[in-house]
Amino acid sequence: MPPVRTKRVIGRSLKKKGFTRRSDRDHIFFFYEDGGLALALFTKFSHGSTSDEVGVRLLKRMAQQCRLELSDFLLLVDCPMGKADYRKKLIEDGHLAA
């Protein structure tokens, strides 16, 4: 079965991992913050979609925006990858300075 997650699950998990939630009229944004600094790592989804479920296509896009492979993004969302683990991965992959 293809991976599907709800917006609520994704949002709650990202907030626990150092992302802050911001909304505009059309979208909900999650910006990654490290040491109080908002970085150029963010993802989003739409307020207005008719479904609360996020399918594979959007999950892949969100994973790319968070600088992760889909499998790692699902670990981030499902909680095996914690906040410190995500930060370490960003540093190892060269997306964040130590």
PDB file of N, CA and C in Angstrom:
ATOM      1  N   MET A   1       0.850  -1.189   0.000  1.00  0.00           N
ATOM      2  CA  MET A   1       0.000   0.000   0.000  1.00  0.00           C
ATOM      3  C   MET A   1       0.890   1.245   0.000  1.00  0.00           C
ATOM      4  N   PRO A   2       0.579   2.197  -0.873  1.00  0.00           N
ATOM      5  CA  PRO A   2       1.399   3.409  -0.937  1.00  0.00           C
ATOM      6  C   PRO A   2       1.286   4.237   0.340  1.00  0.00           C
ATOM      7  N   PRO A   3       2.367   4.964   0.676  1.00  0.00           N
ATOM      8  CA  PRO A   3       2.328   5.772   1.897  1.00  0.00           C
ATOM      9  C   PRO A   3       1.355   6.934   1.771  1.00  0.00           C
ATOM     10  N   VAL A   4       0.503   7.073   2.740  1.00  0.00           N
ATOM     11  CA  VAL A   4      -0.431   8.191   2.828  1.00  0.00           C
ATOM     12  C   VAL A   4      -0.435   8.646   4.282  1.00  0.00           C
ATOM     13  N   ARG A   5      -0.402   9.952   4.496  1.00  0.00           N
ATOM     14  CA  ARG A   5      -0.447  10.503   5.846  1.00  0.00           C
ATOM     15  C   ARG A   5      -1.479  11.622   5.840  1.00  0.00           C
ATOM     16  N   THR A   6      -2.012  11.944   7.012  1.00  0.00           N
ATOM     17  CA  THR A   6      -2.955  13.058   7.086  1.00  0.00           C
ATOM     18  C   THR A   6      -2.187  14.356   7.340  1.00  0.00           C
ATOM     19  N   LYS A   7      -2.796  15.452   6.966  1.00  0.00           N
ATOM     20  CA  LYS A   7      -2.194  16.769   7.203  1.00  0.00           C
ATOM     21  C   LYS A   7      -1.945  16.993   8.690  1.00  0.00           C
ATOM     22  N   ARG A   8      -2.879  16.554   9.509  1.00  0.00           N
ATOM     23  CA  ARG A   8      -2.761  16.741  10.952  1.00  0.00           C
ATOM     24  C   ARG A   8      -1.526  16.006  11.489  1.00  0.00           C
ATOM     25  N   VAL A   9      -1.328  14.765  11.079  1.00  0.00           N
ATOM     26  CA  VAL A   9      -0.181  13.975  11.532  1.00  0.00           C
ATOM     27  C   VAL A   9       1.122  14.624  11.083  1.00  0.00           C
ATOM     28  N   ILE A  10       1.179  15.045   9.821  1.00  0.00           N
ATOM     29  CA  ILE A  10       2.382  15.689   9.296  1.00  0.00           C
ATOM     30  C   ILE A  10       2.666  16.983  10.056  1.00  0.00           C
ATOM     31  N   GLY A  11       1.644  17.807  10.234  1.00  0.00           N
ATOM     32  CA  GLY A  11       1.821  19.089  10.916  1.00  0.00           C
ATOM     33  C   GLY A  11       2.308  18.933  12.339  1.00  0.00           C
ATOM     34  N   ARG A  12       1.694  18.035  13.085  1.00  0.00           N
ATOM     35  CA  ARG A  12       2.101  17.813  14.481  1.00  0.00           C
ATOM     36  C   ARG A  12       3.536  17.311  14.567  1.00  0.00           C
ATOM     37  N   SER A  13       3.873  16.409  13.684  1.00  0.00           N
ATOM     38  CA  SER A  13       5.221  15.845  13.707  1.00  0.00           C
ATOM     39  C   SER A  13       6.269  16.895  13.346  1.00  0.00           C
ATOM     40  N   LEU A  14       6.018  17.688  12.308  1.00  0.00           N
ATOM     41  CA  LEU A  14       6.991  18.701  11.901  1.00  0.00           C
ATOM     42  C   LEU A  14       7.199  19.731  13.003  1.00  0.00           C
ATOM     43  N   LYS A  15       6.140  20.101  13.702  1.00  0.00           N
ATOM     44  CA  LYS A  15       6.283  21.062  14.806  1.00  0.00           C
ATOM     45  C   LYS A  15       7.174  20.501  15.910  1.00  0.00           C
ATOM     46  N   LYS A  16       7.093  19.200  16.163  1.00  0.00           N
ATOM     47  CA  LYS A  16       7.936  18.564  17.175  1.00  0.00           C
ATOM     48  C   LYS A  16       9.401  18.504  16.736  1.00  0.00           C
ATOM     49  N   LYS A  17       9.653  18.605  15.439  1.00  0.00           N
ATOM     50  CA  LYS A  17      11.003  18.446  14.903  1.00  0.00           C
ATOM     51  C   LYS A  17      11.694  19.770  14.603  1.00  0.00           C
ATOM     52  N   GLY A  18      11.129  20.885  15.082  1.00  0.00           N
ATOM     53  CA  GLY A  18      11.787  22.176  14.911  1.00  0.00           C
ATOM     54  C   GLY A  18      11.203  23.068  13.838  1.00  0.00           C
ATOM     55  N   PHE A  19      10.085  22.678  13.254  1.00  0.00           N
ATOM     56  CA  PHE A  19       9.431  23.507  12.243  1.00  0.00           C
ATOM     57  C   PHE A  19       8.401  24.405  12.921  1.00  0.00           C
ATOM     58  N   THR A  20       8.246  25.605  12.400  1.00  0.00           N
ATOM     59  CA  THR A  20       7.185  26.484  12.882  1.00  0.00           C
ATOM     60  C   THR A  20       6.117  26.584  11.799  1.00  0.00           C
ATOM     61  N   ARG A  21       4.877  26.691  12.238  1.00  0.00           N
ATOM     62  CA  ARG A  21       3.724  26.729  11.332  1.00  0.00           C
ATOM     63  C   ARG A  21       3.335  28.167  11.075  1.00  0.00           C
ATOM     64  N   ARG A  22       3.157  28.481   9.807  1.00  0.00           N
ATOM     65  CA  ARG A  22       2.632  29.786   9.402  1.00  0.00           C
ATOM     66  C   ARG A  22       1.604  29.549   8.313  1.00  0.00           C
ATOM     67  N   SER A  23       0.601  30.388   8.304  1.00  0.00           N
ATOM     68  CA  SER A  23      -0.463  30.224   7.313  1.00  0.00           C
ATOM     69  C   SER A  23      -0.685  31.513   6.550  1.00  0.00           C
ATOM     70  N   ASP A  24      -1.084  31.357   5.316  1.00  0.00           N
ATOM     71  CA  ASP A  24      -1.621  32.485   4.581  1.00  0.00           C
ATOM     72  C   ASP A  24      -3.013  32.063   4.121  1.00  0.00           C
ATOM     73  N   ARG A  25      -3.578  32.800   3.225  1.00  0.00           N
ATOM     74  CA  ARG A  25      -4.944  32.531   2.800  1.00  0.00           C
ATOM     75  C   ARG A  25      -5.112  31.158   2.149  1.00  0.00           C
ATOM     76  N   ASP A  26      -4.077  30.706   1.423  1.00  0.00           N
ATOM     77  CA  ASP A  26      -4.210  29.486   0.639  1.00  0.00           C
ATOM     78  C   ASP A  26      -3.428  28.286   1.162  1.00  0.00           C
ATOM     79  N   HIS A  27      -2.350  28.526   1.929  1.00  0.00           N
ATOM     80  CA  HIS A  27      -1.454  27.431   2.295  1.00  0.00           C
ATOM     81  C   HIS A  27      -1.061  27.453   3.767  1.00  0.00           C
ATOM     82  N   ILE A  28      -0.645  26.306   4.236  1.00  0.00           N
ATOM     83  CA  ILE A  28      -0.033  26.165   5.551  1.00  0.00           C
ATOM     84  C   ILE A  28       1.435  25.859   5.302  1.00  0.00           C
ATOM     85  N   PHE A  29       2.317  26.692   5.840  1.00  0.00           N
ATOM     86  CA  PHE A  29       3.754  26.545   5.658  1.00  0.00           C
ATOM     87  C   PHE A  29       4.383  26.035   6.944  1.00  0.00           C
ATOM     88  N   PHE A  30       5.435  25.246   6.799  1.00  0.00           N
ATOM     89  CA  PHE A  30       6.245  24.795   7.925  1.00  0.00           C
ATOM     90  C   PHE A  30       7.690  25.148   7.627  1.00  0.00           C
ATOM     91  N   PHE A  31       8.261  26.067   8.408  1.00  0.00           N
ATOM     92  CA  PHE A  31       9.636  26.519   8.236  1.00  0.00           C
ATOM     93  C   PHE A  31      10.511  25.882   9.299  1.00  0.00           C
ATOM     94  N   TYR A  32      11.654  25.344   8.884  1.00  0.00           N
ATOM     95  CA  TYR A  32      12.581  24.747   9.838  1.00  0.00           C
ATOM     96  C   TYR A  32      13.393  25.849  10.497  1.00  0.00           C
ATOM     97  N   GLU A  33      13.487  25.793  11.822  1.00  0.00           N
ATOM     98  CA  GLU A  33      14.274  26.765  12.573  1.00  0.00           C
ATOM     99  C   GLU A  33      15.363  26.045  13.347  1.00  0.00           C
ATOM    100  N   ASP A  34      16.550  26.618  13.320  1.00  0.00           N
ATOM    101  CA  ASP A  34      17.686  26.065  14.054  1.00  0.00           C
ATOM    102  C   ASP A  34      18.297  27.193  14.873  1.00  0.00           C
ATOM    103  N   GLY A  35      18.251  27.069  16.178  1.00  0.00           N
ATOM    104  CA  GLY A  35      18.781  28.117  17.044  1.00  0.00           C
ATOM    105  C   GLY A  35      18.017  29.423  16.917  1.00  0.00           C
ATOM    106  N   GLY A  36      16.727  29.338  16.639  1.00  0.00           N
ATOM    107  CA  GLY A  36      15.898  30.530  16.515  1.00  0.00           C
ATOM    108  C   GLY A  36      15.949  31.186  15.144  1.00  0.00           C
ATOM    109  N   LEU A  37      16.782  30.655  14.251  1.00  0.00           N
ATOM    110  CA  LEU A  37      16.885  31.213  12.906  1.00  0.00           C
ATOM    111  C   LEU A  37      16.058  30.393  11.930  1.00  0.00           C
ATOM    112  N   ALA A  38      15.188  31.045  11.195  1.00  0.00           N
ATOM    113  CA  ALA A  38      14.422  30.364  10.157  1.00  0.00           C
ATOM    114  C   ALA A  38      15.348  30.144   8.967  1.00  0.00           C
ATOM    115  N   LEU A  39      15.403  28.928   8.488  1.00  0.00           N
ATOM    116  CA  LEU A  39      16.279  28.579   7.375  1.00  0.00           C
ATOM    117  C   LEU A  39      15.475  28.430   6.101  1.00  0.00           C
ATOM    118  N   ALA A  40      16.173  28.255   5.007  1.00  0.00           N
ATOM    119  CA  ALA A  40      15.514  28.101   3.715  1.00  0.00           C
ATOM    120  C   ALA A  40      15.022  26.670   3.513  1.00  0.00           C
ATOM    121  N   LEU A  41      14.637  26.034   4.587  1.00  0.00           N
ATOM    122  CA  LEU A  41      14.043  24.704   4.527  1.00  0.00           C
ATOM    123  C   LEU A  41      12.587  24.843   4.946  1.00  0.00           C
ATOM    124  N   PHE A  42      11.702  24.582   4.033  1.00  0.00           N
ATOM    125  CA  PHE A  42      10.284  24.683   4.373  1.00  0.00           C
ATOM    126  C   PHE A  42       9.485  23.776   3.463  1.00  0.00           C
ATOM    127  N   THR A  43       8.293  23.494   3.875  1.00  0.00           N
ATOM    128  CA  THR A  43       7.353  22.751   3.058  1.00  0.00           C
ATOM    129  C   THR A  43       5.967  23.332   3.287  1.00  0.00           C
ATOM    130  N   LYS A  44       5.015  22.910   2.493  1.00  0.00           N
ATOM    131  CA  LYS A  44       3.671  23.471   2.613  1.00  0.00           C
ATOM    132  C   LYS A  44       2.640  22.501   2.071  1.00  0.00           C
ATOM    133  N   PHE A  45       1.406  22.732   2.445  1.00  0.00           N
ATOM    134  CA  PHE A  45       0.271  22.117   1.775  1.00  0.00           C
ATOM    135  C   PHE A  45      -0.888  23.089   1.796  1.00  0.00           C
ATOM    136  N   SER A  46      -1.892  22.780   1.008  1.00  0.00           N
ATOM    137  CA  SER A  46      -3.004  23.689   0.786  1.00  0.00           C
ATOM    138  C   SER A  46      -4.071  23.569   1.869  1.00  0.00           C
ATOM    139  N   HIS A  47      -4.675  24.727   2.214  1.00  0.00           N
ATOM    140  CA  HIS A  47      -5.853  24.722   3.083  1.00  0.00           C
ATOM    141  C   HIS A  47      -7.029  24.055   2.380  1.00  0.00           C
ATOM    142  N   GLY A  48      -7.149  24.349   1.082  1.00  0.00           N
ATOM    143  CA  GLY A  48      -8.391  24.084   0.387  1.00  0.00           C
ATOM    144  C   GLY A  48      -8.554  22.734  -0.251  1.00  0.00           C
ATOM    145  N   SER A  49      -7.624  21.824  -0.035  1.00  0.00           N
ATOM    146  CA  SER A  49      -7.808  20.541  -0.688  1.00  0.00           C
ATOM    147  C   SER A  49      -9.027  19.847  -0.083  1.00  0.00           C
ATOM    148  N   THR A  50      -9.678  19.058  -0.896  1.00  0.00           N
ATOM    149  CA  THR A  50     -10.907  18.411  -0.449  1.00  0.00           C
ATOM    150  C   THR A  50     -10.630  17.229   0.472  1.00  0.00           C
ATOM    151  N   SER A  51      -9.405  16.754   0.482  1.00  0.00           N
ATOM    152  CA  SER A  51      -9.050  15.614   1.310  1.00  0.00           C
ATOM    153  C   SER A  51      -8.052  16.021   2.381  1.00  0.00           C
ATOM    154  N   ASP A  52      -8.146  15.386   3.529  1.00  0.00           N
ATOM    155  CA  ASP A  52      -7.185  15.619   4.604  1.00  0.00           C
ATOM    156  C   ASP A  52      -5.951  14.748   4.409  1.00  0.00           C
ATOM    157  N   GLU A  53      -6.007  13.800   3.470  1.00  0.00           N
ATOM    158  CA  GLU A  53      -4.897  12.899   3.223  1.00  0.00           C
ATOM    159  C   GLU A  53      -3.894  13.513   2.254  1.00  0.00           C
ATOM    160  N   VAL A  54      -2.633  13.226   2.519  1.00  0.00           N
ATOM    161  CA  VAL A  54      -1.540  13.658   1.643  1.00  0.00           C
ATOM    162  C   VAL A  54      -1.006  12.409   0.971  1.00  0.00           C
ATOM    163  N   GLY A  55      -1.091  12.372  -0.352  1.00  0.00           N
ATOM    164  CA  GLY A  55      -0.673  11.197  -1.110  1.00  0.00           C
ATOM    165  C   GLY A  55       0.810  11.192  -1.442  1.00  0.00           C
ATOM    166  N   VAL A  56       1.220  10.171  -2.161  1.00  0.00           N
ATOM    167  CA  VAL A  56       2.633   9.941  -2.466  1.00  0.00           C
ATOM    168  C   VAL A  56       3.254  11.106  -3.221  1.00  0.00           C
ATOM    169  N   ARG A  57       2.569  11.624  -4.201  1.00  0.00           N
ATOM    170  CA  ARG A  57       3.137  12.709  -5.014  1.00  0.00           C
ATOM    171  C   ARG A  57       3.501  13.921  -4.158  1.00  0.00           C
ATOM    172  N   LEU A  58       2.583  14.359  -3.301  1.00  0.00           N
ATOM    173  CA  LEU A  58       2.854  15.508  -2.442  1.00  0.00           C
ATOM    174  C   LEU A  58       3.861  15.151  -1.342  1.00  0.00           C
ATOM    175  N   LEU A  59       3.815  13.931  -0.824  1.00  0.00           N
ATOM    176  CA  LEU A  59       4.806  13.510   0.167  1.00  0.00           C
ATOM    177  C   LEU A  59       6.219  13.572  -0.414  1.00  0.00           C
ATOM    178  N   LYS A  60       6.381  13.141  -1.678  1.00  0.00           N
ATOM    179  CA  LYS A  60       7.696  13.214  -2.329  1.00  0.00           C
ATOM    180  C   LYS A  60       8.158  14.660  -2.453  1.00  0.00           C
ATOM    181  N   ARG A  61       7.254  15.536  -2.827  1.00  0.00           N
ATOM    182  CA  ARG A  61       7.594  16.957  -2.968  1.00  0.00           C
ATOM    183  C   ARG A  61       7.976  17.552  -1.605  1.00  0.00           C
ATOM    184  N   MET A  62       7.225  17.213  -0.580  1.00  0.00           N
ATOM    185  CA  MET A  62       7.526  17.702   0.770  1.00  0.00           C
ATOM    186  C   MET A  62       8.880  17.171   1.247  1.00  0.00           C
ATOM    187  N   ALA A  63       9.172  15.918   0.935  1.00  0.00           N
ATOM    188  CA  ALA A  63      10.467  15.333   1.300  1.00  0.00           C
ATOM    189  C   ALA A  63      11.601  16.104   0.634  1.00  0.00           C
ATOM    190  N   GLN A  64      11.472  16.396  -0.648  1.00  0.00           N
ATOM    191  CA  GLN A  64      12.495  17.180  -1.360  1.00  0.00           C
ATOM    192  C   GLN A  64      12.676  18.549  -0.716  1.00  0.00           C
ATOM    193  N   GLN A  65      11.599  19.204  -0.380  1.00  0.00           N
ATOM    194  CA  GLN A  65      11.672  20.529   0.227  1.00  0.00           C
ATOM    195  C   GLN A  65      12.367  20.480   1.585  1.00  0.00           C
ATOM    196  N   CYS A  66      12.231  19.362   2.277  1.00  0.00           N
ATOM    197  CA  CYS A  66      12.886  19.182   3.580  1.00  0.00           C
ATOM    198  C   CYS A  66      14.277  18.578   3.437  1.00  0.00           C
ATOM    199  N   ARG A  67      14.735  18.414   2.188  1.00  0.00           N
ATOM    200  CA  ARG A  67      16.065  17.884   1.871  1.00  0.00           C
ATOM    201  C   ARG A  67      16.235  16.444   2.332  1.00  0.00           C
ATOM    202  N   LEU A  68      15.192  15.633   2.115  1.00  0.00           N
ATOM    203  CA  LEU A  68      15.209  14.228   2.492  1.00  0.00           C
ATOM    204  C   LEU A  68      14.694  13.364   1.347  1.00  0.00           C
ATOM    205  N   GLU A  69      15.076  12.096   1.387  1.00  0.00           N
ATOM    206  CA  GLU A  69      14.442  11.097   0.531  1.00  0.00           C
ATOM    207  C   GLU A  69      13.066  10.813   1.135  1.00  0.00           C
ATOM    208  N   LEU A  70      12.161  10.264   0.339  1.00  0.00           N
ATOM    209  CA  LEU A  70      10.813   9.972   0.832  1.00  0.00           C
ATOM    210  C   LEU A  70      10.859   9.050   2.050  1.00  0.00           C
ATOM    211  N   SER A  71      11.690   8.024   1.999  1.00  0.00           N
ATOM    212  CA  SER A  71      11.753   7.076   3.122  1.00  0.00           C
ATOM    213  C   SER A  71      12.184   7.782   4.410  1.00  0.00           C
ATOM    214  N   ASP A  72      13.144   8.717   4.311  1.00  0.00           N
ATOM    215  CA  ASP A  72      13.578   9.466   5.492  1.00  0.00           C
ATOM    216  C   ASP A  72      12.503  10.447   5.961  1.00  0.00           C
ATOM    217  N   PHE A  73      11.786  11.048   5.015  1.00  0.00           N
ATOM    218  CA  PHE A  73      10.713  11.968   5.385  1.00  0.00           C
ATOM    219  C   PHE A  73       9.619  11.234   6.160  1.00  0.00           C
ATOM    220  N   LEU A  74       9.308  10.014   5.728  1.00  0.00           N
ATOM    221  CA  LEU A  74       8.303   9.229   6.439  1.00  0.00           C
ATOM    222  C   LEU A  74       8.793   8.856   7.837  1.00  0.00           C
ATOM    223  N   LEU A  75      10.099   8.613   7.984  1.00  0.00           N
ATOM    224  CA  LEU A  75      10.654   8.375   9.321  1.00  0.00           C
ATOM    225  C   LEU A  75      10.525   9.632  10.181  1.00  0.00           C
ATOM    226  N   LEU A  76      10.728  10.793   9.566  1.00  0.00           N
ATOM    227  CA  LEU A  76      10.585  12.058  10.285  1.00  0.00           C
ATOM    228  C   LEU A  76       9.133  12.250  10.733  1.00  0.00           C
ATOM    229  N   VAL A  77       8.208  12.001   9.836  1.00  0.00           N
ATOM    230  CA  VAL A  77       6.787  12.187  10.142  1.00  0.00           C
ATOM    231  C   VAL A  77       6.288  11.149  11.150  1.00  0.00           C
ATOM    232  N   ASP A  78       6.734   9.917  11.011  1.00  0.00           N
ATOM    233  CA  ASP A  78       6.251   8.834  11.875  1.00  0.00           C
ATOM    234  C   ASP A  78       7.008   8.756  13.199  1.00  0.00           C
ATOM    235  N   CYS A  79       7.979   9.610  13.380  1.00  0.00           N
ATOM    236  CA  CYS A  79       8.709   9.831  14.638  1.00  0.00           C
ATOM    237  C   CYS A  79       9.919   8.959  14.948  1.00  0.00           C
ATOM    238  N   PRO A  80      10.297   7.942  14.187  1.00  0.00           N
ATOM    239  CA  PRO A  80      11.566   7.291  14.504  1.00  0.00           C
ATOM    240  C   PRO A  80      12.756   8.244  14.358  1.00  0.00           C
ATOM    241  N   MET A  81      12.660   9.209  13.431  1.00  0.00           N
ATOM    242  CA  MET A  81      13.708  10.215  13.289  1.00  0.00           C
ATOM    243  C   MET A  81      13.316  11.423  14.132  1.00  0.00           C
ATOM    244  N   GLY A  82      14.086  11.686  15.167  1.00  0.00           N
ATOM    245  CA  GLY A  82      13.803  12.797  16.064  1.00  0.00           C
ATOM    246  C   GLY A  82      14.401  14.105  15.571  1.00  0.00           C
ATOM    247  N   LYS A  83      14.193  15.143  16.331  1.00  0.00           N
ATOM    248  CA  LYS A  83      14.681  16.479  15.999  1.00  0.00           C
ATOM    249  C   LYS A  83      16.204  16.492  15.856  1.00  0.00           C
ATOM    250  N   ALA A  84      16.910  15.877  16.813  1.00  0.00           N
ATOM    251  CA  ALA A  84      18.382  15.841  16.762  1.00  0.00           C
ATOM    252  C   ALA A  84      18.869  15.010  15.578  1.00  0.00           C
ATOM    253  N   ASP A  85      18.170  13.920  15.279  1.00  0.00           N
ATOM    254  CA  ASP A  85      18.537  13.072  14.142  1.00  0.00           C
ATOM    255  C   ASP A  85      18.377  13.832  12.822  1.00  0.00           C
ATOM    256  N   TYR A  86      17.294  14.591  12.698  1.00  0.00           N
ATOM    257  CA  TYR A  86      17.052  15.376  11.483  1.00  0.00           C
ATOM    258  C   TYR A  86      18.142  16.431  11.321  1.00  0.00           C
ATOM    259  N   ARG A  87      18.459  17.124  12.395  1.00  0.00           N
ATOM    260  CA  ARG A  87      19.513  18.146  12.338  1.00  0.00           C
ATOM    261  C   ARG A  87      20.841  17.520  11.932  1.00  0.00           C
ATOM    262  N   LYS A  88      21.159  16.380  12.512  1.00  0.00           N
ATOM    263  CA  LYS A  88      22.410  15.672  12.185  1.00  0.00           C
ATOM    264  C   LYS A  88      22.443  15.289  10.707  1.00  0.00           C
ATOM    265  N   LYS A  89      21.319  14.801  10.187  1.00  0.00           N
ATOM    266  CA  LYS A  89      21.239  14.427   8.766  1.00  0.00           C
ATOM    267  C   LYS A  89      21.438  15.639   7.867  1.00  0.00           C
ATOM    268  N   LEU A  90      20.833  16.772   8.231  1.00  0.00           N
ATOM    269  CA  LEU A  90      21.015  17.993   7.437  1.00  0.00           C
ATOM    270  C   LEU A  90      22.486  18.416   7.416  1.00  0.00           C
ATOM    271  N   ILE A  91      23.165  18.298   8.552  1.00  0.00           N
ATOM    272  CA  ILE A  91      24.581  18.644   8.627  1.00  0.00           C
ATOM    273  C   ILE A  91      25.407  17.672   7.779  1.00  0.00           C
ATOM    274  N   GLU A  92      25.164  16.374   7.934  1.00  0.00           N
ATOM    275  CA  GLU A  92      25.898  15.352   7.181  1.00  0.00           C
ATOM    276  C   GLU A  92      25.724  15.526   5.674  1.00  0.00           C
ATOM    277  N   ASP A  93      24.537  15.921   5.250  1.00  0.00           N
ATOM    278  CA  ASP A  93      24.261  16.078   3.817  1.00  0.00           C
ATOM    279  C   ASP A  93      24.644  17.459   3.288  1.00  0.00           C
ATOM    280  N   GLY A  94      25.188  18.321   4.155  1.00  0.00           N
ATOM    281  CA  GLY A  94      25.666  19.626   3.725  1.00  0.00           C
ATOM    282  C   GLY A  94      24.608  20.702   3.576  1.00  0.00           C
ATOM    283  N   HIS A  95      23.439  20.511   4.159  1.00  0.00           N
ATOM    284  CA  HIS A  95      22.360  21.499   4.059  1.00  0.00           C
ATOM    285  C   HIS A  95      22.335  22.468   5.232  1.00  0.00           C
ATOM    286  N   LEU A  96      23.134  22.160   6.261  1.00  0.00           N
ATOM    287  CA  LEU A  96      23.147  22.974   7.480  1.00  0.00           C
ATOM    288  C   LEU A  96      24.561  22.973   8.039  1.00  0.00           C
ATOM    289  N   ALA A  97      25.034  24.155   8.441  1.00  0.00           N
ATOM    290  CA  ALA A  97      26.376  24.242   9.029  1.00  0.00           C
ATOM    291  C   ALA A  97      26.328  23.750  10.470  1.00  0.00           C
ATOM    292  N   ALA A  98      27.406  23.106  10.877  1.00  0.00           N
ATOM    293  CA  ALA A  98      27.464  22.550  12.240  1.00  0.00           C
ATOM    294  C   ALA A  98      27.517  23.601  13.307  1.00  0.00           C
TER     295      ALA A  98
END
